[in-house]
PDB file of N, CA and C in Angstrom:
ATOM      1  N   UNK A   1      85.865  52.805  89.134  1.00  0.00           N
ATOM      2  CA  UNK A   1      85.876  52.084  90.547  1.00  0.00           C
ATOM      3  C   UNK A   1      84.272  51.676  90.856  1.00  0.00           C
ATOM      4  N   UNK A   2      83.360  50.682  90.554  1.00  0.00           N
ATOM      5  CA  UNK A   2      82.017  50.488  90.893  1.00  0.00           C
ATOM      6  C   UNK A   2      82.439  49.841  92.355  1.00  0.00           C
ATOM      7  N   UNK A   3      80.941  49.988  92.869  1.00  0.00           N
ATOM      8  CA  UNK A   3      81.146  50.086  94.198  1.00  0.00           C
ATOM      9  C   UNK A   3      80.332  48.173  94.205  1.00  0.00           C
ATOM     10  N   UNK A   4      80.913  47.795  95.521  1.00  0.00           N
ATOM     11  CA  UNK A   4      80.107  45.704  95.544  1.00  0.00           C
ATOM     12  C   UNK A   4      80.266  46.270  97.528  1.00  0.00           C
ATOM     13  N   UNK A   5      79.159  45.446  97.725  1.00  0.00           N
ATOM     14  CA  UNK A   5      78.427  45.610  99.030  1.00  0.00           C
ATOM     15  C   UNK A   5      79.043  44.120  99.348  1.00  0.00           C
ATOM     16  N   UNK A   6      78.756  44.178 100.492  1.00  0.00           N
ATOM     17  CA  UNK A   6      79.603  43.032 101.533  1.00  0.00           C
ATOM     18  C   UNK A   6      79.376  41.369 100.716  1.00  0.00           C
ATOM     19  N   UNK A   7      77.921  41.606 101.197  1.00  0.00           N
ATOM     20  CA  UNK A   7      77.313  40.295 100.346  1.00  0.00           C
ATOM     21  C   UNK A   7      77.677  39.872  98.997  1.00  0.00           C
ATOM     22  N   UNK A   8      78.120  41.065  97.873  1.00  0.00           N
ATOM     23  CA  UNK A   8      79.180  40.486  97.273  1.00  0.00           C
ATOM     24  C   UNK A   8      80.612  39.873  97.310  1.00  0.00           C
ATOM     25  N   UNK A   9      81.036  40.530  97.993  1.00  0.00           N
ATOM     26  CA  UNK A   9      82.478  40.222  98.448  1.00  0.00           C
ATOM     27  C   UNK A   9      82.568  38.729  99.488  1.00  0.00           C
ATOM     28  N   UNK A  10      81.642  38.300  99.936  1.00  0.00           N
ATOM     29  CA  UNK A  10      81.216  37.383 100.688  1.00  0.00           C
ATOM     30  C   UNK A  10      80.811  36.054  99.410  1.00  0.00           C
ATOM     31  N   UNK A  11      80.889  36.119  98.371  1.00  0.00           N
ATOM     32  CA  UNK A  11      80.184  35.199  97.442  1.00  0.00           C
ATOM     33  C   UNK A  11      81.640  34.758  96.545  1.00  0.00           C
ATOM     34  N   UNK A  12      82.772  35.686  96.929  1.00  0.00           N
ATOM     35  CA  UNK A  12      84.343  35.303  96.542  1.00  0.00           C
ATOM     36  C   UNK A  12      85.336  34.617  97.707  1.00  0.00           C
ATOM     37  N   UNK A  13      85.177  33.285  97.241  1.00  0.00           N
ATOM     38  CA  UNK A  13      85.603  32.792  98.500  1.00  0.00           C
ATOM     39  C   UNK A  13      87.432  32.389  97.909  1.00  0.00           C
ATOM     40  N   UNK A  14      88.009  33.227  98.746  1.00  0.00           N
ATOM     41  CA  UNK A  14      89.454  33.442  98.542  1.00  0.00           C
ATOM     42  C   UNK A  14      89.851  32.450  99.896  1.00  0.00           C
ATOM     43  N   UNK A  15      91.100  31.353  99.039  1.00  0.00           N
ATOM     44  CA  UNK A  15      91.450  30.575 100.656  1.00  0.00           C
ATOM     45  C   UNK A  15      92.971  29.876  99.756  1.00  0.00           C
ATOM     46  N   UNK A  16      93.489  29.543 101.041  1.00  0.00           N
ATOM     47  CA  UNK A  16      95.342  29.727 101.010  1.00  0.00           C
ATOM     48  C   UNK A  16      95.584  28.647 100.947  1.00  0.00           C
ATOM     49  N   UNK A  17      96.273  27.963 100.096  1.00  0.00           N
ATOM     50  CA  UNK A  17      96.594  26.691  99.435  1.00  0.00           C
ATOM     51  C   UNK A  17      97.985  26.877  99.368  1.00  0.00           C
ATOM     52  N   UNK A  18      98.846  25.542  99.329  1.00  0.00           N
ATOM     53  CA  UNK A  18     100.076  24.998  99.068  1.00  0.00           C
ATOM     54  C   UNK A  18     100.944  24.667  97.898  1.00  0.00           C
ATOM     55  N   UNK A  19     101.325  25.027  97.301  1.00  0.00           N
ATOM     56  CA  UNK A  19     101.858  24.832  95.762  1.00  0.00           C
ATOM     57  C   UNK A  19     102.485  23.060  96.235  1.00  0.00           C
ATOM     58  N   UNK A  20     102.004  22.333  95.933  1.00  0.00           N
ATOM     59  CA  UNK A  20     102.838  20.728  95.802  1.00  0.00           C
ATOM     60  C   UNK A  20     103.351  20.910  94.621  1.00  0.00           C
ATOM     61  N   UNK A  21     103.286  21.025  93.229  1.00  0.00           N
ATOM     62  CA  UNK A  21     104.011  20.474  92.262  1.00  0.00           C
ATOM     63  C   UNK A  21     103.558  21.947  91.637  1.00  0.00           C
ATOM     64  N   UNK A  22     104.440  22.221  90.636  1.00  0.00           N
ATOM     65  CA  UNK A  22     104.646  23.867  89.561  1.00  0.00           C
ATOM     66  C   UNK A  22     105.675  22.946  87.900  1.00  0.00           C
ATOM     67  N   UNK A  23     105.464  23.207  87.392  1.00  0.00           N
ATOM     68  CA  UNK A  23     105.799  23.184  86.053  1.00  0.00           C
ATOM     69  C   UNK A  23     105.805  23.922  84.820  1.00  0.00           C
ATOM     70  N   UNK A  24     106.493  23.850  83.909  1.00  0.00           N
ATOM     71  CA  UNK A  24     107.148  25.531  82.591  1.00  0.00           C
ATOM     72  C   UNK A  24     105.046  24.603  81.696  1.00  0.00           C
ATOM     73  N   UNK A  25     104.546  25.891  81.415  1.00  0.00           N
ATOM     74  CA  UNK A  25     103.562  25.553  80.439  1.00  0.00           C
ATOM     75  C   UNK A  25     103.673  26.243  79.110  1.00  0.00           C
ATOM     76  N   UNK A  26     104.361  25.366  78.366  1.00  0.00           N
ATOM     77  CA  UNK A  26     104.768  25.770  76.810  1.00  0.00           C
ATOM     78  C   UNK A  26     103.879  26.488  76.169  1.00  0.00           C
ATOM     79  N   UNK A  27     102.289  25.995  76.266  1.00  0.00           N
ATOM     80  CA  UNK A  27     101.403  26.163  75.468  1.00  0.00           C
ATOM     81  C   UNK A  27     100.760  27.204  75.728  1.00  0.00           C
ATOM     82  N   UNK A  28     101.107  27.528  76.491  1.00  0.00           N
ATOM     83  CA  UNK A  28     100.608  29.554  77.327  1.00  0.00           C
ATOM     84  C   UNK A  28     100.849  30.290  76.531  1.00  0.00           C
ATOM     85  N   UNK A  29      99.619  31.363  76.012  1.00  0.00           N
ATOM     86  CA  UNK A  29     100.026  32.627  75.422  1.00  0.00           C
ATOM     87  C   UNK A  29     101.002  33.336  75.948  1.00  0.00           C
ATOM     88  N   UNK A  30     101.012  33.749  77.010  1.00  0.00           N
ATOM     89  CA  UNK A  30     101.887  34.857  78.308  1.00  0.00           C
ATOM     90  C   UNK A  30     102.675  33.592  78.717  1.00  0.00           C
ATOM     91  N   UNK A  31     103.803  33.825  78.974  1.00  0.00           N
ATOM     92  CA  UNK A  31     104.841  32.775  79.471  1.00  0.00           C
ATOM     93  C   UNK A  31     104.309  32.537  81.403  1.00  0.00           C
ATOM     94  N   UNK A  32     104.015  31.220  81.197  1.00  0.00           N
ATOM     95  CA  UNK A  32     103.072  30.894  82.632  1.00  0.00           C
ATOM     96  C   UNK A  32     103.394  29.544  83.084  1.00  0.00           C
ATOM     97  N   UNK A  33     102.963  29.510  84.405  1.00  0.00           N
ATOM     98  CA  UNK A  33     103.272  27.595  85.008  1.00  0.00           C
ATOM     99  C   UNK A  33     102.793  27.231  85.478  1.00  0.00           C
ATOM    100  N   UNK A  34     102.465  26.037  85.220  1.00  0.00           N
ATOM    101  CA  UNK A  34     101.019  25.077  85.533  1.00  0.00           C
ATOM    102  C   UNK A  34     101.178  25.009  87.182  1.00  0.00           C
ATOM    103  N   UNK A  35     100.602  25.037  88.442  1.00  0.00           N
ATOM    104  CA  UNK A  35     100.640  24.821  89.544  1.00  0.00           C
ATOM    105  C   UNK A  35      99.780  23.739  90.086  1.00  0.00           C
ATOM    106  N   UNK A  36      99.628  22.724  90.522  1.00  0.00           N
ATOM    107  CA  UNK A  36      98.704  21.873  91.398  1.00  0.00           C
ATOM    108  C   UNK A  36      99.021  22.107  93.388  1.00  0.00           C
ATOM    109  N   UNK A  37      97.831  22.809  93.794  1.00  0.00           N
ATOM    110  CA  UNK A  37      97.178  23.508  95.123  1.00  0.00           C
ATOM    111  C   UNK A  37      96.875  22.858  95.864  1.00  0.00           C
ATOM    112  N   UNK A  38      97.480  22.103  97.171  1.00  0.00           N
ATOM    113  CA  UNK A  38      96.940  22.119  97.831  1.00  0.00           C
ATOM    114  C   UNK A  38      95.554  22.758  98.921  1.00  0.00           C
ATOM    115  N   UNK A  39      94.824  22.582  99.259  1.00  0.00           N
ATOM    116  CA  UNK A  39      93.806  23.454  99.679  1.00  0.00           C
ATOM    117  C   UNK A  39      93.067  22.335 100.878  1.00  0.00           C
ATOM    118  N   UNK A  40      93.425  21.334 101.489  1.00  0.00           N
ATOM    119  CA  UNK A  40      93.300  20.815 102.611  1.00  0.00           C
ATOM    120  C   UNK A  40      92.324  20.080 102.182  1.00  0.00           C
ATOM    121  N   UNK A  41      90.832  20.433 103.078  1.00  0.00           N
ATOM    122  CA  UNK A  41      89.802  19.787 103.177  1.00  0.00           C
ATOM    123  C   UNK A  41      89.573  19.690 101.453  1.00  0.00           C
ATOM    124  N   UNK A  42      89.745  20.769 101.206  1.00  0.00           N
ATOM    125  CA  UNK A  42      88.918  21.480  99.432  1.00  0.00           C
ATOM    126  C   UNK A  42      89.727  20.818  98.644  1.00  0.00           C
ATOM    127  N   UNK A  43      90.548  20.110  98.852  1.00  0.00           N
ATOM    128  CA  UNK A  43      91.423  19.206  97.491  1.00  0.00           C
ATOM    129  C   UNK A  43      91.911  19.984  97.197  1.00  0.00           C
ATOM    130  N   UNK A  44      92.949  19.167  95.875  1.00  0.00           N
ATOM    131  CA  UNK A  44      94.126  19.840  95.698  1.00  0.00           C
ATOM    132  C   UNK A  44      93.212  20.350  94.126  1.00  0.00           C
ATOM    133  N   UNK A  45      93.637  21.722  93.549  1.00  0.00           N
ATOM    134  CA  UNK A  45      93.120  21.855  92.171  1.00  0.00           C
ATOM    135  C   UNK A  45      94.230  22.748  91.285  1.00  0.00           C
ATOM    136  N   UNK A  46      94.239  22.785  90.341  1.00  0.00           N
ATOM    137  CA  UNK A  46      95.552  23.267  89.178  1.00  0.00           C
ATOM    138  C   UNK A  46      94.493  24.281  89.057  1.00  0.00           C
ATOM    139  N   UNK A  47      96.310  25.164  88.777  1.00  0.00           N
ATOM    140  CA  UNK A  47      95.667  26.547  88.055  1.00  0.00           C
ATOM    141  C   UNK A  47      96.845  26.822  87.046  1.00  0.00           C
ATOM    142  N   UNK A  48      96.592  27.771  85.903  1.00  0.00           N
ATOM    143  CA  UNK A  48      97.791  28.475  85.252  1.00  0.00           C
ATOM    144  C   UNK A  48      97.742  29.831  85.747  1.00  0.00           C
ATOM    145  N   UNK A  49      99.665  30.102  86.133  1.00  0.00           N
ATOM    146  CA  UNK A  49      99.572  31.512  86.649  1.00  0.00           C
ATOM    147  C   UNK A  49     100.987  32.389  85.783  1.00  0.00           C
ATOM    148  N   UNK A  50     100.628  33.137  85.810  1.00  0.00           N
ATOM    149  CA  UNK A  50     101.885  33.977  85.085  1.00  0.00           C
ATOM    150  C   UNK A  50     102.857  34.679  86.230  1.00  0.00           C
ATOM    151  N   UNK A  51     103.581  33.815  86.583  1.00  0.00           N
ATOM    152  CA  UNK A  51     104.595  34.597  87.497  1.00  0.00           C
ATOM    153  C   UNK A  51     105.803  34.380  87.187  1.00  0.00           C
ATOM    154  N   UNK A  52     106.405  33.851  86.243  1.00  0.00           N
ATOM    155  CA  UNK A  52     107.436  33.564  85.769  1.00  0.00           C
ATOM    156  C   UNK A  52     108.334  34.360  86.066  1.00  0.00           C
ATOM    157  N   UNK A  53     108.737  35.890  85.939  1.00  0.00           N
ATOM    158  CA  UNK A  53     109.418  36.771  86.237  1.00  0.00           C
ATOM    159  C   UNK A  53     109.863  36.972  87.076  1.00  0.00           C
ATOM    160  N   UNK A  54     109.303  36.420  88.896  1.00  0.00           N
ATOM    161  CA  UNK A  54     109.718  36.484  89.941  1.00  0.00           C
ATOM    162  C   UNK A  54     109.862  35.598  91.001  1.00  0.00           C
ATOM    163  N   UNK A  55     109.423  33.957  89.955  1.00  0.00           N
ATOM    164  CA  UNK A  55     109.576  32.926  90.888  1.00  0.00           C
ATOM    165  C   UNK A  55     110.442  31.903  89.868  1.00  0.00           C
ATOM    166  N   UNK A  56     110.854  31.279  89.969  1.00  0.00           N
ATOM    167  CA  UNK A  56     111.564  29.867  89.387  1.00  0.00           C
ATOM    168  C   UNK A  56     110.796  28.600  90.118  1.00  0.00           C
ATOM    169  N   UNK A  57     110.513  27.913  89.609  1.00  0.00           N
ATOM    170  CA  UNK A  57     109.960  26.519  89.077  1.00  0.00           C
ATOM    171  C   UNK A  57     110.323  25.608  91.060  1.00  0.00           C
ATOM    172  N   UNK A  58     111.432  25.947  90.856  1.00  0.00           N
ATOM    173  CA  UNK A  58     112.094  25.133  92.101  1.00  0.00           C
ATOM    174  C   UNK A  58     111.790  25.691  93.447  1.00  0.00           C
ATOM    175  N   UNK A  59     111.212  26.602  93.037  1.00  0.00           N
ATOM    176  CA  UNK A  59     111.354  28.029  94.598  1.00  0.00           C
ATOM    177  C   UNK A  59     109.576  27.534  94.680  1.00  0.00           C
ATOM    178  N   UNK A  60     109.356  27.102  93.941  1.00  0.00           N
ATOM    179  CA  UNK A  60     107.625  27.257  94.026  1.00  0.00           C
ATOM    180  C   UNK A  60     106.679  26.291  95.108  1.00  0.00           C
ATOM    181  N   UNK A  61     107.263  24.618  94.674  1.00  0.00           N
ATOM    182  CA  UNK A  61     106.580  23.750  95.508  1.00  0.00           C
ATOM    183  C   UNK A  61     106.946  23.886  96.919  1.00  0.00           C
ATOM    184  N   UNK A  62     105.676  24.003  98.090  1.00  0.00           N
ATOM    185  CA  UNK A  62     106.163  24.611  99.218  1.00  0.00           C
ATOM    186  C   UNK A  62     104.808  26.091  99.939  1.00  0.00           C
ATOM    187  N   UNK A  63     105.271  27.174  98.990  1.00  0.00           N
ATOM    188  CA  UNK A  63     105.355  27.994  99.005  1.00  0.00           C
ATOM    189  C   UNK A  63     103.615  27.971  99.074  1.00  0.00           C
ATOM    190  N   UNK A  64     102.862  28.927 100.350  1.00  0.00           N
ATOM    191  CA  UNK A  64     101.522  29.006 100.609  1.00  0.00           C
ATOM    192  C   UNK A  64     101.296  30.289  99.451  1.00  0.00           C
ATOM    193  N   UNK A  65      99.329  30.238  98.808  1.00  0.00           N
ATOM    194  CA  UNK A  65      99.345  31.093  98.039  1.00  0.00           C
ATOM    195  C   UNK A  65      98.143  31.329  98.884  1.00  0.00           C
ATOM    196  N   UNK A  66      97.641  32.941  97.948  1.00  0.00           N
ATOM    197  CA  UNK A  66      95.774  32.880  98.496  1.00  0.00           C
ATOM    198  C   UNK A  66      95.569  32.783  96.856  1.00  0.00           C
ATOM    199  N   UNK A  67      94.343  32.245  96.730  1.00  0.00           N
ATOM    200  CA  UNK A  67      93.399  31.995  95.615  1.00  0.00           C
ATOM    201  C   UNK A  67      92.216  32.057  95.860  1.00  0.00           C
ATOM    202  N   UNK A  68      91.287  32.713  94.057  1.00  0.00           N
ATOM    203  CA  UNK A  68      90.134  32.657  94.604  1.00  0.00           C
ATOM    204  C   UNK A  68      89.558  30.728  94.066  1.00  0.00           C
ATOM    205  N   UNK A  69      89.071  30.361  95.056  1.00  0.00           N
ATOM    206  CA  UNK A  69      88.008  28.389  94.397  1.00  0.00           C
ATOM    207  C   UNK A  69      86.502  28.577  93.922  1.00  0.00           C
ATOM    208  N   UNK A  70      86.564  29.746  93.655  1.00  0.00           N
ATOM    209  CA  UNK A  70      84.829  29.173  93.430  1.00  0.00           C
ATOM    210  C   UNK A  70      84.600  30.454  92.309  1.00  0.00           C
ATOM    211  N   UNK A  71      85.260  30.381  91.647  1.00  0.00           N
ATOM    212  CA  UNK A  71      85.482  31.008  89.975  1.00  0.00           C
ATOM    213  C   UNK A  71      85.021  29.469  88.963  1.00  0.00           C
ATOM    214  N   UNK A  72      84.055  29.734  88.289  1.00  0.00           N
ATOM    215  CA  UNK A  72      84.069  28.566  87.019  1.00  0.00           C
ATOM    216  C   UNK A  72      85.845  27.821  86.074  1.00  0.00           C
ATOM    217  N   UNK A  73      86.007  26.888  86.198  1.00  0.00           N
ATOM    218  CA  UNK A  73      86.747  26.228  85.682  1.00  0.00           C
ATOM    219  C   UNK A  73      87.004  26.948  84.052  1.00  0.00           C
ATOM    220  N   UNK A  74      88.187  27.467  84.156  1.00  0.00           N
ATOM    221  CA  UNK A  74      89.107  28.028  82.405  1.00  0.00           C
ATOM    222  C   UNK A  74      90.220  27.227  82.001  1.00  0.00           C
ATOM    223  N   UNK A  75      89.270  27.033  80.752  1.00  0.00           N
ATOM    224  CA  UNK A  75      89.912  25.947  79.516  1.00  0.00           C
ATOM    225  C   UNK A  75      91.545  27.215  79.152  1.00  0.00           C
ATOM    226  N   UNK A  76      92.908  27.083  79.439  1.00  0.00           N
ATOM    227  CA  UNK A  76      93.840  27.584  79.338  1.00  0.00           C
ATOM    228  C   UNK A  76      94.465  26.922  77.976  1.00  0.00           C
ATOM    229  N   UNK A  77      94.411  27.071  76.953  1.00  0.00           N
ATOM    230  CA  UNK A  77      95.332  25.499  76.066  1.00  0.00           C
ATOM    231  C   UNK A  77      95.200  24.662  76.338  1.00  0.00           C
ATOM    232  N   UNK A  78      95.948  23.320  76.692  1.00  0.00           N
ATOM    233  CA  UNK A  78      95.708  22.151  77.017  1.00  0.00           C
ATOM    234  C   UNK A  78      95.392  22.222  77.674  1.00  0.00           C
ATOM    235  N   UNK A  79      95.172  23.308  79.403  1.00  0.00           N
ATOM    236  CA  UNK A  79      95.079  22.772  80.578  1.00  0.00           C
ATOM    237  C   UNK A  79      93.886  23.619  81.228  1.00  0.00           C
ATOM    238  N   UNK A  80      93.411  22.924  82.337  1.00  0.00           N
ATOM    239  CA  UNK A  80      91.846  23.167  82.630  1.00  0.00           C
ATOM    240  C   UNK A  80      92.368  24.134  84.164  1.00  0.00           C
ATOM    241  N   UNK A  81      92.154  25.484  83.965  1.00  0.00           N
ATOM    242  CA  UNK A  81      92.965  26.574  85.687  1.00  0.00           C
ATOM    243  C   UNK A  81      91.866  26.387  86.451  1.00  0.00           C
ATOM    244  N   UNK A  82      91.825  25.736  87.602  1.00  0.00           N
ATOM    245  CA  UNK A  82      90.164  25.127  88.754  1.00  0.00           C
ATOM    246  C   UNK A  82      90.491  26.243  89.549  1.00  0.00           C
ATOM    247  N   UNK A  83      91.469  27.481  89.504  1.00  0.00           N
ATOM    248  CA  UNK A  83      91.227  28.414  90.279  1.00  0.00           C
ATOM    249  C   UNK A  83      92.148  29.449  90.133  1.00  0.00           C
ATOM    250  N   UNK A  84      92.304  30.942  90.696  1.00  0.00           N
ATOM    251  CA  UNK A  84      92.676  31.709  90.275  1.00  0.00           C
ATOM    252  C   UNK A  84      93.777  31.989  91.495  1.00  0.00           C
ATOM    253  N   UNK A  85      95.242  32.278  91.246  1.00  0.00           N
ATOM    254  CA  UNK A  85      96.104  32.656  92.224  1.00  0.00           C
ATOM    255  C   UNK A  85      95.877  33.989  91.978  1.00  0.00           C
ATOM    256  N   UNK A  86      96.460  34.370  93.631  1.00  0.00           N
ATOM    257  CA  UNK A  86      95.989  35.870  93.278  1.00  0.00           C
ATOM    258  C   UNK A  86      97.402  36.756  93.184  1.00  0.00           C
ATOM    259  N   UNK A  87      97.891  37.991  93.127  1.00  0.00           N
ATOM    260  CA  UNK A  87      98.618  38.424  92.752  1.00  0.00           C
ATOM    261  C   UNK A  87      98.717  40.151  92.724  1.00  0.00           C
ATOM    262  N   UNK A  88      99.530  40.696  92.879  1.00  0.00           N
ATOM    263  CA  UNK A  88     100.205  42.150  92.424  1.00  0.00           C
ATOM    264  C   UNK A  88     101.407  42.407  91.414  1.00  0.00           C
ATOM    265  N   UNK A  89     100.830  43.665  90.689  1.00  0.00           N
ATOM    266  CA  UNK A  89     101.517  43.805  89.450  1.00  0.00           C
ATOM    267  C   UNK A  89     102.792  44.509  90.579  1.00  0.00           C
ATOM    268  N   UNK A  90     104.232  44.317  90.459  1.00  0.00           N
ATOM    269  CA  UNK A  90     105.380  44.847  90.983  1.00  0.00           C
ATOM    270  C   UNK A  90     105.744  45.774  90.286  1.00  0.00           C
ATOM    271  N   UNK A  91     106.409  46.638  90.705  1.00  0.00           N
ATOM    272  CA  UNK A  91     107.331  47.619  90.325  1.00  0.00           C
ATOM    273  C   UNK A  91     107.706  47.618  88.991  1.00  0.00           C
ATOM    274  N   UNK A  92     108.749  46.484  88.900  1.00  0.00           N
ATOM    275  CA  UNK A  92     109.138  46.183  88.013  1.00  0.00           C
ATOM    276  C   UNK A  92     108.892  45.472  86.747  1.00  0.00           C
ATOM    277  N   UNK A  93     107.308  45.242  87.012  1.00  0.00           N
ATOM    278  CA  UNK A  93     106.659  44.341  85.974  1.00  0.00           C
ATOM    279  C   UNK A  93     106.692  42.499  86.555  1.00  0.00           C
ATOM    280  N   UNK A  94     105.717  42.078  85.793  1.00  0.00           N
ATOM    281  CA  UNK A  94     105.653  40.842  86.783  1.00  0.00           C
ATOM    282  C   UNK A  94     104.660  40.719  87.814  1.00  0.00           C
ATOM    283  N   UNK A  95     104.014  39.315  87.896  1.00  0.00           N
ATOM    284  CA  UNK A  95     103.151  39.452  89.498  1.00  0.00           C
ATOM    285  C   UNK A  95     103.776  38.987  90.531  1.00  0.00           C
ATOM    286  N   UNK A  96     103.407  39.711  91.534  1.00  0.00           N
ATOM    287  CA  UNK A  96     104.548  39.069  93.338  1.00  0.00           C
ATOM    288  C   UNK A  96     103.025  38.477  93.667  1.00  0.00           C
ATOM    289  N   UNK A  97     103.407  37.291  94.188  1.00  0.00           N
ATOM    290  CA  UNK A  97     102.376  36.339  94.954  1.00  0.00           C
ATOM    291  C   UNK A  97     101.971  37.361  96.357  1.00  0.00           C
ATOM    292  N   UNK A  98     100.445  36.826  96.527  1.00  0.00           N
ATOM    293  CA  UNK A  98      99.937  37.305  97.692  1.00  0.00           C
ATOM    294  C   UNK A  98     100.459  36.604  98.529  1.00  0.00           C
ATOM    295  N   UNK A  99     101.147  37.511  99.852  1.00  0.00           N
ATOM    296  CA  UNK A  99     101.557  36.275 100.891  1.00  0.00           C
ATOM    297  C   UNK A  99     100.689  36.583 102.173  1.00  0.00           C
ATOM    298  N   UNK A 100     100.862  35.402 103.341  1.00  0.00           N
ATOM    299  CA  UNK A 100     100.456  35.439 104.815  1.00  0.00           C
ATOM    300  C   UNK A 100     101.507  36.184 105.479  1.00  0.00           C
ATOM    301  N   UNK A 101     101.310  36.665 106.583  1.00  0.00           N
ATOM    302  CA  UNK A 101     102.234  37.303 107.578  1.00  0.00           C
ATOM    303  C   UNK A 101     102.700  36.331 108.553  1.00  0.00           C
ATOM    304  N   UNK A 102     101.502  35.562 108.680  1.00  0.00           N
ATOM    305  CA  UNK A 102     101.336  34.194 109.898  1.00  0.00           C
ATOM    306  C   UNK A 102     100.953  33.338 109.518  1.00  0.00           C
ATOM    307  N   UNK A 103     101.567  32.330 109.717  1.00  0.00           N
ATOM    308  CA  UNK A 103     100.586  30.910 108.764  1.00  0.00           C
ATOM    309  C   UNK A 103      99.367  30.482 109.507  1.00  0.00           C
ATOM    310  N   UNK A 104      98.433  29.974 108.190  1.00  0.00           N
ATOM    311  CA  UNK A 104      97.120  29.882 108.527  1.00  0.00           C
ATOM    312  C   UNK A 104      97.106  28.378 107.585  1.00  0.00           C
ATOM    313  N   UNK A 105      95.802  27.374 108.490  1.00  0.00           N
ATOM    314  CA  UNK A 105      95.908  26.194 107.864  1.00  0.00           C
ATOM    315  C   UNK A 105      95.008  26.531 106.424  1.00  0.00           C
ATOM    316  N   UNK A 106      95.722  24.973 105.461  1.00  0.00           N
ATOM    317  CA  UNK A 106      95.333  24.852 104.399  1.00  0.00           C
ATOM    318  C   UNK A 106      93.866  25.265 103.990  1.00  0.00           C
ATOM    319  N   UNK A 107      93.333  26.129 103.099  1.00  0.00           N
ATOM    320  CA  UNK A 107      91.917  25.744 102.915  1.00  0.00           C
ATOM    321  C   UNK A 107      91.509  26.824 103.844  1.00  0.00           C
ATOM    322  N   UNK A 108      92.012  27.444 104.208  1.00  0.00           N
ATOM    323  CA  UNK A 108      91.133  28.440 105.162  1.00  0.00           C
ATOM    324  C   UNK A 108      90.496  29.749 104.635  1.00  0.00           C
ATOM    325  N   UNK A 109      89.638  30.251 104.660  1.00  0.00           N
ATOM    326  CA  UNK A 109      89.429  31.375 103.915  1.00  0.00           C
ATOM    327  C   UNK A 109      89.281  33.078 104.789  1.00  0.00           C
ATOM    328  N   UNK A 110      89.895  33.513 103.741  1.00  0.00           N
ATOM    329  CA  UNK A 110      89.989  34.723 103.679  1.00  0.00           C
ATOM    330  C   UNK A 110      88.901  35.759 103.203  1.00  0.00           C
ATOM    331  N   UNK A 111      88.906  36.474 105.022  1.00  0.00           N
ATOM    332  CA  UNK A 111      87.959  37.839 105.079  1.00  0.00           C
ATOM    333  C   UNK A 111      88.702  39.350 105.069  1.00  0.00           C
TER     334      UNK A 111
END
């Protein structure tokens, strides 16, 4: 594991967003969904997320997520992913989304 400084950490903007729309993403190489996420004053951003093992499409709208919002956009098949939704690999396999213990306003920065 390489070390980073606090100055390095401060460069990464992780913010609270709320999924407002989710769709199947059949053109992705690995099973994924297309997400539209509201970050409040930072706007609505799109993301491709490989979260199909633990989450059903109909359960995603309204869910709050944490995402890195200042990476460059990445083209995934025919979809431009603008943010990286954060999660961890679960014991069962598949990504489990990071969650808030208490509610926070959309766009809040993670420290």
